[in-house]
C-alpha atoms as a PDB file:
ATOM      1  CA  MET A   1      94.290 100.674  60.919  1.00  0.00           C
ATOM      2  CA  ASN A   2      95.530  97.592  59.131  1.00  0.00           C
ATOM      3  CA  ALA A   3      99.026  96.264  58.493  1.00  0.00           C
ATOM      4  CA  ALA A   4      99.413  97.837  55.036  1.00  0.00           C
ATOM      5  CA  ILE A   5      98.799 101.350  56.359  1.00  0.00           C
ATOM      6  CA  LYS A   6     100.972 100.774  59.451  1.00  0.00           C
ATOM      7  CA  LEU A   7     103.882  99.601  57.328  1.00  0.00           C
ATOM      8  CA  HIS A   8     103.328 102.528  54.932  1.00  0.00           C
ATOM      9  CA  ARG A   9     103.619 104.945  57.860  1.00  0.00           C
ATOM     10  CA  VAL A  10     106.936 103.407  58.904  1.00  0.00           C
ATOM     11  CA  ALA A  11     108.285 103.479  55.333  1.00  0.00           C
ATOM     12  CA  HIS A  12     106.999 107.060  54.824  1.00  0.00           C
ATOM     13  CA  GLY A  13     108.651 108.221  58.043  1.00  0.00           C
ATOM     14  CA  LEU A  14     111.979 106.629  57.192  1.00  0.00           C
ATOM     15  CA  THR A  15     111.951 107.895  53.609  1.00  0.00           C
ATOM     16  CA  SER A  16     110.593 111.397  54.153  1.00  0.00           C
ATOM     17  CA  THR A  17     111.627 112.651  57.552  1.00  0.00           C
ATOM     18  CA  ARG A  18     114.652 110.728  58.699  1.00  0.00           C
ATOM     19  CA  GLY A  19     116.547 110.448  55.414  1.00  0.00           C
ATOM     20  CA  LEU A  20     116.909 106.681  55.677  1.00  0.00           C
ATOM     21  CA  ARG A  21     115.652 106.003  52.181  1.00  0.00           C
ATOM     22  CA  TRP A  22     117.256 102.571  51.933  1.00  0.00           C
ATOM     23  CA  LEU A  23     115.529 101.378  55.116  1.00  0.00           C
ATOM     24  CA  GLY A  24     112.232 102.929  53.997  1.00  0.00           C
ATOM     25  CA  THR A  25     112.557 101.056  50.707  1.00  0.00           C
ATOM     26  CA  LEU A  26     113.170  97.817  52.595  1.00  0.00           C
ATOM     27  CA  VAL A  27     110.002  98.342  54.682  1.00  0.00           C
ATOM     28  CA  TYR A  28     108.097  99.242  51.477  1.00  0.00           C
ATOM     29  CA  TRP A  29     109.104  95.936  49.881  1.00  0.00           C
ATOM     30  CA  ALA A  30     108.192  93.989  53.033  1.00  0.00           C
ATOM     31  CA  ASN A  31     104.779  95.686  52.921  1.00  0.00           C
ATOM     32  CA  LYS A  32     104.369  94.915  49.223  1.00  0.00           C
ATOM     33  CA  LEU A  33     105.224  91.247  49.635  1.00  0.00           C
ATOM     34  CA  SER A  34     103.273  90.608  52.833  1.00  0.00           C
ATOM     35  CA  THR A  35     100.035  92.503  52.043  1.00  0.00           C
ATOM     36  CA  SER A  36      99.876  92.265  48.213  1.00  0.00           C
ATOM     37  CA  SER A  37      99.537  96.047  48.036  1.00  0.00           C
ATOM     38  CA  ASP A  38     101.780  98.674  46.448  1.00  0.00           C
ATOM     39  CA  ILE A  39     101.647 101.873  48.505  1.00  0.00           C
ATOM     40  CA  ASP A  40     104.510 104.204  47.621  1.00  0.00           C
ATOM     41  CA  PRO A  41     106.308 105.516  50.721  1.00  0.00           C
ATOM     42  CA  ARG A  42     106.159 109.079  49.343  1.00  0.00           C
ATOM     43  CA  ALA A  43     102.327 109.094  49.218  1.00  0.00           C
ATOM     44  CA  SER A  44     100.640 111.340  51.765  1.00  0.00           C
ATOM     45  CA  ILE A  45      97.953 109.408  53.649  1.00  0.00           C
ATOM     46  CA  ALA A  46      95.926 110.891  56.533  1.00  0.00           C
ATOM     47  CA  ARG A  47      95.905 109.260  59.955  1.00  0.00           C
ATOM     48  CA  ASP A  48      92.509 107.585  59.893  1.00  0.00           C
ATOM     49  CA  VAL A  49      92.317 106.087  56.406  1.00  0.00           C
ATOM     50  CA  PHE A  50      90.711 102.636  56.451  1.00  0.00           C
ATOM     51  CA  VAL A  51      91.747  99.836  54.082  1.00  0.00           C
ATOM     52  CA  PRO A  52      89.734  96.749  55.107  1.00  0.00           C
ATOM     53  CA  HIS A  53      91.606  94.403  52.748  1.00  0.00           C
ATOM     54  CA  ALA A  54      94.737  95.781  51.128  1.00  0.00           C
ATOM     55  CA  THR A  55      94.983  93.137  48.409  1.00  0.00           C
ATOM     56  CA  GLY A  56      95.595  94.778  45.037  1.00  0.00           C
ATOM     57  CA  VAL A  57      95.632  98.357  46.350  1.00  0.00           C
ATOM     58  CA  VAL A  58      98.061 100.587  44.432  1.00  0.00           C
ATOM     59  CA  ILE A  59      98.768 104.169  45.542  1.00  0.00           C
ATOM     60  CA  GLY A  60     101.230 106.320  43.589  1.00  0.00           C
ATOM     61  CA  CYS A  61     103.947 108.548  44.990  1.00  0.00           C
ATOM     62  CA  THR A  62     102.298 111.974  44.609  1.00  0.00           C
ATOM     63  CA  ALA A  63      98.866 110.856  45.838  1.00  0.00           C
ATOM     64  CA  GLU A  64      97.253 112.623  48.781  1.00  0.00           C
ATOM     65  CA  ILE A  65      94.462 110.886  50.688  1.00  0.00           C
ATOM     66  CA  GLY A  66      92.262 112.702  53.199  1.00  0.00           C
ATOM     67  CA  ALA A  67      90.934 111.681  56.591  1.00  0.00           C
ATOM     68  CA  ARG A  68      88.326 108.966  57.109  1.00  0.00           C
ATOM     69  CA  THR A  69      88.634 107.685  53.548  1.00  0.00           C
ATOM     70  CA  VAL A  70      87.715 104.038  52.926  1.00  0.00           C
ATOM     71  CA  ILE A  71      89.738 102.224  50.262  1.00  0.00           C
ATOM     72  CA  MET A  72      88.349  98.851  49.193  1.00  0.00           C
ATOM     73  CA  PRO A  73      90.409  96.026  47.594  1.00  0.00           C
ATOM     74  CA  GLY A  74      91.809  96.496  44.097  1.00  0.00           C
ATOM     75  CA  VAL A  75      91.736 100.311  44.101  1.00  0.00           C
ATOM     76  CA  VAL A  76      94.385 102.001  41.952  1.00  0.00           C
ATOM     77  CA  ILE A  77      95.364 105.635  42.429  1.00  0.00           C
ATOM     78  CA  GLY A  78      97.714 105.906  39.487  1.00  0.00           C
ATOM     79  CA  SER A  79      99.143 108.184  36.851  1.00  0.00           C
ATOM     80  CA  ARG A  80      98.400 108.652  33.169  1.00  0.00           C
ATOM     81  CA  ASP A  81     101.831 110.171  32.521  1.00  0.00           C
ATOM     82  CA  ARG A  82     104.220 107.773  30.800  1.00  0.00           C
ATOM     83  CA  ASN A  83     107.306 109.943  31.198  1.00  0.00           C
ATOM     84  CA  ASN A  84     107.297 110.381  34.998  1.00  0.00           C
ATOM     85  CA  ALA A  85     107.363 114.158  34.627  1.00  0.00           C
ATOM     86  CA  PRO A  86     107.903 116.157  37.815  1.00  0.00           C
ATOM     87  CA  GLY A  87     104.897 117.606  39.667  1.00  0.00           C
ATOM     88  CA  ARG A  88     101.508 116.134  40.530  1.00  0.00           C
ATOM     89  CA  ARG A  89     100.810 112.920  38.675  1.00  0.00           C
ATOM     90  CA  HIS A  90      98.338 111.249  41.049  1.00  0.00           C
ATOM     91  CA  ALA A  91      94.992 112.117  42.602  1.00  0.00           C
ATOM     92  CA  THR A  92      94.162 114.247  45.597  1.00  0.00           C
ATOM     93  CA  VAL A  93      91.399 112.480  47.506  1.00  0.00           C
ATOM     94  CA  GLY A  94      89.385 114.505  50.019  1.00  0.00           C
ATOM     95  CA  ALA A  95      88.064 113.501  53.429  1.00  0.00           C
ATOM     96  CA  ASP A  96      85.190 111.049  54.024  1.00  0.00           C
ATOM     97  CA  VAL A  97      85.504 109.504  50.544  1.00  0.00           C
ATOM     98  CA  VAL A  98      84.573 105.887  49.736  1.00  0.00           C
ATOM     99  CA  LEU A  99      86.545 104.238  46.927  1.00  0.00           C
ATOM    100  CA  GLY A 100      84.681 101.115  45.772  1.00  0.00           C
ATOM    101  CA  ALA A 101      86.362  97.810  45.009  1.00  0.00           C
ATOM    102  CA  GLY A 102      88.392  97.870  41.814  1.00  0.00           C
ATOM    103  CA  ALA A 103      88.033 101.617  41.244  1.00  0.00           C
ATOM    104  CA  LYS A 104      90.754 103.290  39.183  1.00  0.00           C
ATOM    105  CA  ILE A 105      91.581 106.957  39.754  1.00  0.00           C
ATOM    106  CA  LEU A 106      94.028 108.027  37.073  1.00  0.00           C
ATOM    107  CA  GLY A 107      95.905 111.281  36.723  1.00  0.00           C
ATOM    108  CA  PRO A 108      96.086 114.452  38.817  1.00  0.00           C
ATOM    109  CA  VAL A 109      92.349 114.629  39.518  1.00  0.00           C
ATOM    110  CA  VAL A 110      90.705 116.008  42.666  1.00  0.00           C
ATOM    111  CA  ILE A 111      88.095 113.912  44.462  1.00  0.00           C
ATOM    112  CA  GLY A 112      85.952 116.198  46.648  1.00  0.00           C
ATOM    113  CA  ASP A 113      85.074 115.594  50.289  1.00  0.00           C
ATOM    114  CA  GLY A 114      82.301 113.054  50.852  1.00  0.00           C
ATOM    115  CA  ALA A 115      82.391 111.677  47.296  1.00  0.00           C
ATOM    116  CA  ARG A 116      81.658 108.037  46.514  1.00  0.00           C
ATOM    117  CA  ILE A 117      83.404 106.203  43.703  1.00  0.00           C
ATOM    118  CA  GLY A 118      81.541 103.092  42.546  1.00  0.00           C
ATOM    119  CA  ALA A 119      83.084  99.656  42.167  1.00  0.00           C
ATOM    120  CA  ASN A 120      85.199  99.317  39.014  1.00  0.00           C
ATOM    121  CA  ALA A 121      84.659 102.975  38.059  1.00  0.00           C
ATOM    122  CA  VAL A 122      87.435 104.674  36.080  1.00  0.00           C
ATOM    123  CA  VAL A 123      87.837 108.292  37.204  1.00  0.00           C
ATOM    124  CA  LEU A 124      89.613 110.515  34.658  1.00  0.00           C
ATOM    125  CA  SER A 125      88.317 113.948  35.714  1.00  0.00           C
ATOM    126  CA  ASP A 126      87.583 115.847  38.930  1.00  0.00           C
ATOM    127  CA  VAL A 127      84.696 114.715  41.152  1.00  0.00           C
ATOM    128  CA  ALA A 128      82.668 117.341  43.013  1.00  0.00           C
ATOM    129  CA  PRO A 129      82.164 117.024  46.781  1.00  0.00           C
ATOM    130  CA  SER A 130      79.325 114.722  47.931  1.00  0.00           C
ATOM    131  CA  THR A 131      78.908 113.247  44.440  1.00  0.00           C
ATOM    132  CA  THR A 132      78.568 109.582  43.513  1.00  0.00           C
ATOM    133  CA  VAL A 133      80.239 108.500  40.277  1.00  0.00           C
ATOM    134  CA  VAL A 134      80.022 105.154  38.478  1.00  0.00           C
ATOM    135  CA  GLY A 135      80.990 103.664  35.146  1.00  0.00           C
ATOM    136  CA  ILE A 136      83.770 103.739  32.590  1.00  0.00           C
ATOM    137  CA  PRO A 137      84.574 106.596  32.347  1.00  0.00           C
ATOM    138  CA  ALA A 138      83.012 107.654  35.649  1.00  0.00           C
ATOM    139  CA  ARG A 139      79.885 109.818  35.469  1.00  0.00           C
ATOM    140  CA  ALA A 140      77.859 111.385  38.260  1.00  0.00           C
ATOM    141  CA  VAL A 141      74.572 109.774  39.225  1.00  0.00           C
ATOM    142  CA  PRO A 142      71.656 111.724  40.728  1.00  0.00           C
ATOM    143  CA  PRO A 143      71.130 111.487  44.488  1.00  0.00           C
ATOM    144  CA  ARG A 144      68.511 109.076  45.845  1.00  0.00           C
ATOM    145  CA  GLY A 145      64.954 110.277  45.412  1.00  0.00           C
ATOM    146  CA  VAL A 146      65.753 112.468  42.397  1.00  0.00           C
ATOM    147  CA  VAL A 147      63.971 111.343  39.249  1.00  0.00           C
ATOM    148  CA  ARG A 148      65.850 111.753  35.987  1.00  0.00           C
ATOM    149  CA  ASP A 149      63.978 113.146  32.992  1.00  0.00           C
END
């Protein structure tokens, strides 16, 4: 676990469970300035998420990230809602997911367990489990060994 995730855990704990929002916000800003990442303290991130280089990573407040997910540099888990309406605005990412460098996951989409999001892909709709998606907007690609007609 790297520094960005460790500091997020501290900020999340202070903001969510102990009611020390001001101190959680202070830790959030220290994290933002020291790691060049913007991980909202209200985001729900599983214990064993791996972020090898946190530079440019942005994770919104209602995002949920499952266990053993790998988040590469420049990944954005953001919202498409301009009005900050209540409710889910960010993605739910399953377990064992790989988010490639520069990938953008926008809106309240669901990324299934074991999915792979290609580098610089823009995900605007749900991704089925164990599916690889690439492109702008992201589209599923056939598994290896399957010939497309």
